[in-house]
Protein backbone atom coordinates (compact mmCIF):
# COMPACT_ATOMS: atom_id res chain seq x y z
CA MET A 1 80.52 92.97 116.09
CA ARG A 2 77.91 90.99 114.22
CA ALA A 3 78.48 90.03 110.61
CA LYS A 4 76.33 91.98 108.17
CA LYS A 5 74.56 89.66 105.76
CA TYR A 6 74.01 92.38 103.14
CA LEU A 7 77.79 92.82 102.90
CA GLY A 8 78.38 89.08 102.57
CA GLN A 9 80.45 88.98 105.76
CA ASN A 10 81.71 85.59 106.98
CA PHE A 11 84.71 86.07 109.26
CA LEU A 12 87.48 83.50 108.95
CA LYS A 13 88.62 82.32 112.40
CA SER A 14 91.37 79.80 111.61
CA VAL A 15 94.90 81.11 112.12
CA ALA A 16 96.27 77.97 110.44
CA ILE A 17 94.36 78.61 107.21
CA VAL A 18 95.39 82.28 107.23
CA SER A 19 99.02 81.21 107.65
CA ARG A 20 98.76 78.86 104.66
CA MET A 21 97.14 81.57 102.56
CA VAL A 22 100.04 83.92 103.26
CA LYS A 23 102.51 81.15 102.45
CA SER A 24 100.70 80.32 99.19
CA ALA A 25 100.82 84.01 98.26
CA ASN A 26 104.59 83.98 98.94
CA VAL A 27 104.35 87.26 100.85
CA THR A 28 107.74 88.41 102.12
CA ALA A 29 109.22 91.47 103.83
CA GLY A 30 108.95 94.58 101.68
CA ASP A 31 106.10 93.28 99.51
CA LEU A 32 103.11 95.50 98.83
CA VAL A 33 99.84 93.66 99.48
CA LEU A 34 96.28 94.73 98.73
CA GLU A 35 93.70 93.14 101.01
CA ILE A 36 89.98 93.43 100.26
CA GLY A 37 87.50 93.11 103.11
CA PRO A 38 89.89 92.69 106.06
CA GLY A 39 86.97 92.25 108.47
CA LYS A 40 88.29 91.84 112.01
CA GLY A 41 91.90 91.70 110.80
CA ILE A 42 92.97 88.05 111.19
CA LEU A 43 94.52 87.96 107.70
CA THR A 44 95.77 91.54 108.01
CA LYS A 45 97.77 90.59 111.11
CA ALA A 46 99.39 87.62 109.38
CA LEU A 47 100.31 89.75 106.35
CA LEU A 48 101.89 92.43 108.55
CA GLN A 49 103.90 89.82 110.44
CA THR A 50 105.78 89.02 107.21
CA GLY A 51 107.09 92.59 107.07
CA ALA A 52 104.92 93.50 104.08
CA ASN A 53 103.21 96.85 103.53
CA VAL A 54 99.44 96.34 103.47
CA VAL A 55 96.68 98.45 101.96
CA ALA A 56 93.33 97.21 103.30
CA ILE A 57 90.02 98.19 101.68
CA GLU A 58 86.97 97.95 103.94
CA LYS A 59 83.41 99.04 103.16
CA ASP A 60 81.95 98.57 106.66
CA PHE A 61 82.45 101.73 108.76
CA GLU A 62 82.10 99.83 112.03
CA LEU A 63 84.98 97.55 111.05
CA ILE A 64 87.07 100.55 110.01
CA SER A 65 86.93 101.80 113.59
CA HIS A 66 87.90 98.35 114.87
CA LEU A 67 90.87 98.12 112.49
CA TYR A 68 92.15 101.58 113.46
CA ASN A 69 92.11 100.56 117.12
CA LYS A 70 93.61 97.10 116.59
CA PHE A 71 96.42 98.23 114.30
CA ALA A 72 97.10 101.73 115.63
CA THR A 73 100.86 101.14 115.80
CA GLU A 74 101.12 99.67 112.29
CA ILE A 75 99.05 102.53 110.86
CA ALA A 76 101.19 105.11 112.66
CA ASN A 77 104.33 103.45 111.27
CA LYS A 78 102.86 103.47 107.76
CA LYS A 79 103.02 99.69 107.46
CA LEU A 80 99.23 99.52 107.13
CA PHE A 81 96.91 101.85 105.21
CA VAL A 82 93.18 101.35 105.83
CA ILE A 83 90.81 102.82 103.24
CA HIS A 84 87.07 103.11 103.80
CA THR A 85 85.49 102.59 100.37
CA ASP A 86 83.81 100.15 98.00
CA VAL A 87 86.68 98.45 96.16
CA LEU A 88 84.60 98.13 92.97
CA LYS A 89 84.39 101.92 92.69
CA LEU A 90 88.13 102.54 92.47
CA SER A 91 90.85 101.43 90.08
CA ALA A 92 94.05 99.99 91.50
CA SER A 93 95.87 103.18 90.51
CA GLU A 94 93.32 105.25 92.44
CA ILE A 95 93.65 103.02 95.49
CA PHE A 96 97.39 103.65 95.68
CA SER A 97 97.32 107.26 94.40
CA ASN A 98 97.21 108.85 97.88
CA HIS A 99 100.36 107.02 98.89
CA SER A 100 103.10 108.25 96.57
CA SER A 101 105.65 105.81 97.97
CA LEU A 102 103.39 102.89 96.91
CA ALA A 103 101.90 104.20 93.67
CA THR A 104 104.53 102.79 91.29
CA ARG A 105 105.18 99.49 93.06
CA GLN A 106 103.97 96.05 92.01
CA TYR A 107 101.56 94.42 94.43
CA LYS A 108 99.99 91.12 95.42
CA LEU A 109 96.28 90.73 96.13
CA VAL A 110 95.41 88.52 99.11
CA ALA A 111 91.85 88.45 100.41
CA ASN A 112 88.84 86.67 101.85
CA ILE A 113 86.36 88.27 99.47
CA PRO A 114 82.56 88.41 99.74
CA TYR A 115 81.06 85.54 97.75
CA TYR A 116 78.52 87.70 95.96
CA ILE A 117 81.16 89.85 94.22
CA THR A 118 83.81 87.17 93.61
CA GLY A 119 83.50 87.26 89.82
CA GLU A 120 83.49 91.06 89.70
CA ILE A 121 86.62 91.36 91.83
CA ILE A 122 88.58 88.74 89.91
CA ARG A 123 87.64 90.21 86.54
CA LYS A 124 88.27 93.78 87.70
CA PHE A 125 91.81 93.22 88.92
CA LEU A 126 92.90 90.89 86.12
CA GLU A 127 91.75 93.47 83.57
CA GLU A 128 93.23 96.46 85.44
CA LYS A 129 96.00 98.45 83.77
CA ASN A 130 97.77 98.23 87.13
CA TYR A 131 97.16 94.52 87.69
CA PRO A 132 98.57 92.47 90.61
CA ARG A 133 101.56 90.12 90.34
CA SER A 134 99.42 87.38 91.87
CA MET A 135 96.04 86.85 93.54
CA THR A 136 95.41 84.55 96.50
CA LEU A 137 91.72 84.38 97.30
CA LEU A 138 89.28 82.61 99.57
CA VAL A 139 86.21 81.85 97.46
CA GLN A 140 83.32 79.38 97.38
CA LYS A 141 84.58 75.82 96.89
CA GLU A 142 82.64 75.25 93.67
CA VAL A 143 83.80 78.58 92.25
CA GLY A 144 87.40 77.62 92.96
CA ARG A 145 86.90 74.27 91.24
CA ARG A 146 85.32 75.97 88.22
CA ILE A 147 88.18 78.44 87.92
CA VAL A 148 90.81 75.71 87.71
CA ALA A 149 88.45 73.46 85.68
CA SER A 150 89.11 70.51 87.98
CA ASP A 151 86.60 68.44 85.97
CA LYS A 152 88.54 69.23 82.77
CA LYS A 153 85.57 71.23 81.49
CA GLU A 154 86.33 74.89 80.79
CA SER A 155 83.83 77.68 81.42
CA ILE A 156 83.60 81.41 80.77
CA LEU A 157 84.89 81.93 84.32
CA SER A 158 87.91 79.63 83.97
CA LEU A 159 88.87 81.07 80.59
CA SER A 160 88.50 84.66 81.84
CA VAL A 161 91.13 83.82 84.47
CA LYS A 162 93.44 81.68 82.31
CA ILE A 163 93.76 84.28 79.57
CA TYR A 164 95.59 86.40 82.17
CA GLY A 165 97.22 83.94 84.59
CA ASN A 166 97.67 80.41 85.92
CA PRO A 167 95.15 79.40 88.60
CA LYS A 168 95.85 76.72 91.22
CA TYR A 169 93.49 75.13 93.73
CA ILE A 170 95.32 75.26 97.06
CA GLU A 171 92.91 73.73 99.60
CA THR A 172 89.31 73.26 100.70
CA VAL A 173 88.17 75.25 103.74
CA LYS A 174 85.28 73.82 105.76
CA ARG A 175 82.35 76.13 106.50
CA SER A 176 82.94 75.60 110.23
CA MET A 177 86.09 77.72 109.91
CA PHE A 178 83.94 80.86 109.60
CA THR A 179 81.65 82.81 111.86
CA PRO A 180 78.86 82.90 111.01
CA ALA A 181 79.25 79.66 109.07
CA PRO A 182 78.21 80.02 105.40
CA ASN A 183 75.99 77.44 103.72
CA VAL A 184 78.83 76.03 101.61
CA ASP A 185 82.50 75.13 101.97
CA SER A 186 85.17 77.46 100.62
CA SER A 187 88.50 77.11 98.86
CA VAL A 188 91.80 78.93 98.61
CA ILE A 189 92.96 79.58 95.05
CA HIS A 190 96.16 81.17 93.84
CA ILE A 191 96.53 82.90 90.46
CA GLU A 192 100.14 83.47 89.44
CA ASN A 193 102.11 84.73 86.43
CA ILE A 194 99.47 87.37 85.72
CA THR A 195 100.14 89.12 82.42
CA LYS A 196 98.45 90.63 79.37
CA GLU A 197 100.93 88.83 77.11
CA ASN A 198 98.46 86.19 75.86
CA LEU A 199 96.39 88.96 74.30
CA LEU A 200 99.24 91.22 73.20
CA LYS A 201 101.38 88.65 71.41
CA HIS A 202 98.40 87.42 69.41
CA ASN A 203 97.13 90.96 68.73
CA ILE A 204 93.75 90.18 70.28
CA THR A 205 91.73 92.66 72.30
CA ALA A 206 90.03 91.55 75.51
CA GLU A 207 86.72 92.63 73.99
CA LYS A 208 87.19 90.38 70.97
CA PHE A 209 88.32 87.39 73.05
CA PHE A 210 85.38 87.58 75.45
CA MET A 211 82.90 88.17 72.62
CA VAL A 212 84.01 84.92 70.99
CA VAL A 213 84.01 82.99 74.30
CA LYS A 214 80.58 84.25 75.38
CA ASN A 215 79.04 83.41 72.02
CA GLY A 216 80.73 80.02 72.08
CA PHE A 217 79.07 79.24 75.41
CA ALA A 218 75.74 80.86 74.52
CA HIS A 219 74.03 77.49 73.98
CA LYS A 220 76.11 74.89 75.84
CA ARG A 221 74.48 71.87 74.20
CA LYS A 222 75.08 73.18 70.71
CA LYS A 223 78.29 72.58 68.83
CA LEU A 224 80.59 75.49 68.09
CA SER A 225 79.70 75.44 64.41
CA GLY A 226 76.27 76.71 65.41
CA ASN A 227 77.23 79.10 68.20
CA LEU A 228 80.02 80.83 66.27
CA LYS A 229 78.59 80.81 62.76
CA GLY A 230 79.00 84.26 61.24
CA ILE A 231 81.48 85.29 63.95
CA VAL A 232 84.53 83.14 63.23
CA ALA A 233 85.88 82.59 59.72
CA PRO A 234 84.36 79.38 58.22
CA ASP A 235 87.74 77.82 57.38
CA VAL A 236 88.89 78.24 60.98
CA LEU A 237 85.58 77.07 62.43
CA GLU A 238 85.75 73.95 60.27
CA ASN A 239 88.52 72.61 62.54
CA PHE A 240 86.19 72.80 65.56
CA LYS A 241 82.84 71.95 64.00
CA ASP A 242 82.26 68.81 66.10
CA LYS A 243 83.43 70.37 69.36
CA ARG A 244 81.49 71.88 72.25
CA ALA A 245 82.66 74.99 74.05
CA GLU A 246 83.57 73.30 77.34
CA ASP A 247 85.94 70.88 75.58
CA LEU A 248 88.23 73.55 74.11
CA ALA A 249 91.49 74.65 75.73
CA LEU A 250 92.61 78.26 76.09
CA SER A 251 94.85 77.92 73.03
CA ASP A 252 91.82 76.93 70.93
CA TRP A 253 89.92 80.04 72.01
CA ILE A 254 92.91 82.18 71.10
CA THR A 255 92.93 80.59 67.63
CA LEU A 256 89.20 81.25 67.21
CA SER A 257 89.61 84.85 68.37
CA LYS A 258 92.44 85.51 65.94
């Protein structure tokens, strides 16, 4: 089976990296795991070996056939559920709705996701009403570094993750670990302690928070006093007048949003 470029397919071939991903995700027997883009099933196999229940979402019909053949026993035993769909078109509740025994359970998201929809997938599941307990993802190296703000400079992407959970950079994955090899290296990141509490306890809506953040970053070279004039109360903005957006911590953005 050849990888389909239009689906962003790069198949991971390292069992060692897959094993470390599963360990980082702390997947144990009885867990419910959502996997996006299982491909040929190397990560799926490792997840099943822990004793977890796995729901795998795959868009490629050819790979669906492969997965049904490879995991026939696990599917028959209801340890693995394979769904042929575009994950961006369904909510988490809809994904689990056809499996009544799974519908009310908490879940972990573990996946090697297509690079071109990384931001959409992360945002979608963090903002879901039925959000995961944790997310362990294989993403582009630079995207992983931006999410954890390894250079100490925040971005819209890092803040959109940190308002919901705590991201960690687990490891760098060389491009040679994939077939076909992508043009860039990848990274494993883990987002834990996912919650809506940061918004709820401060009585801030997601819409308000992201409106303030996006305006704050609208002109990166400008100071916040210019970017947020007329949006944030002047007396509050006065405390940040000499700051630039990338230098503010999450707690500062919460203050500005309030």
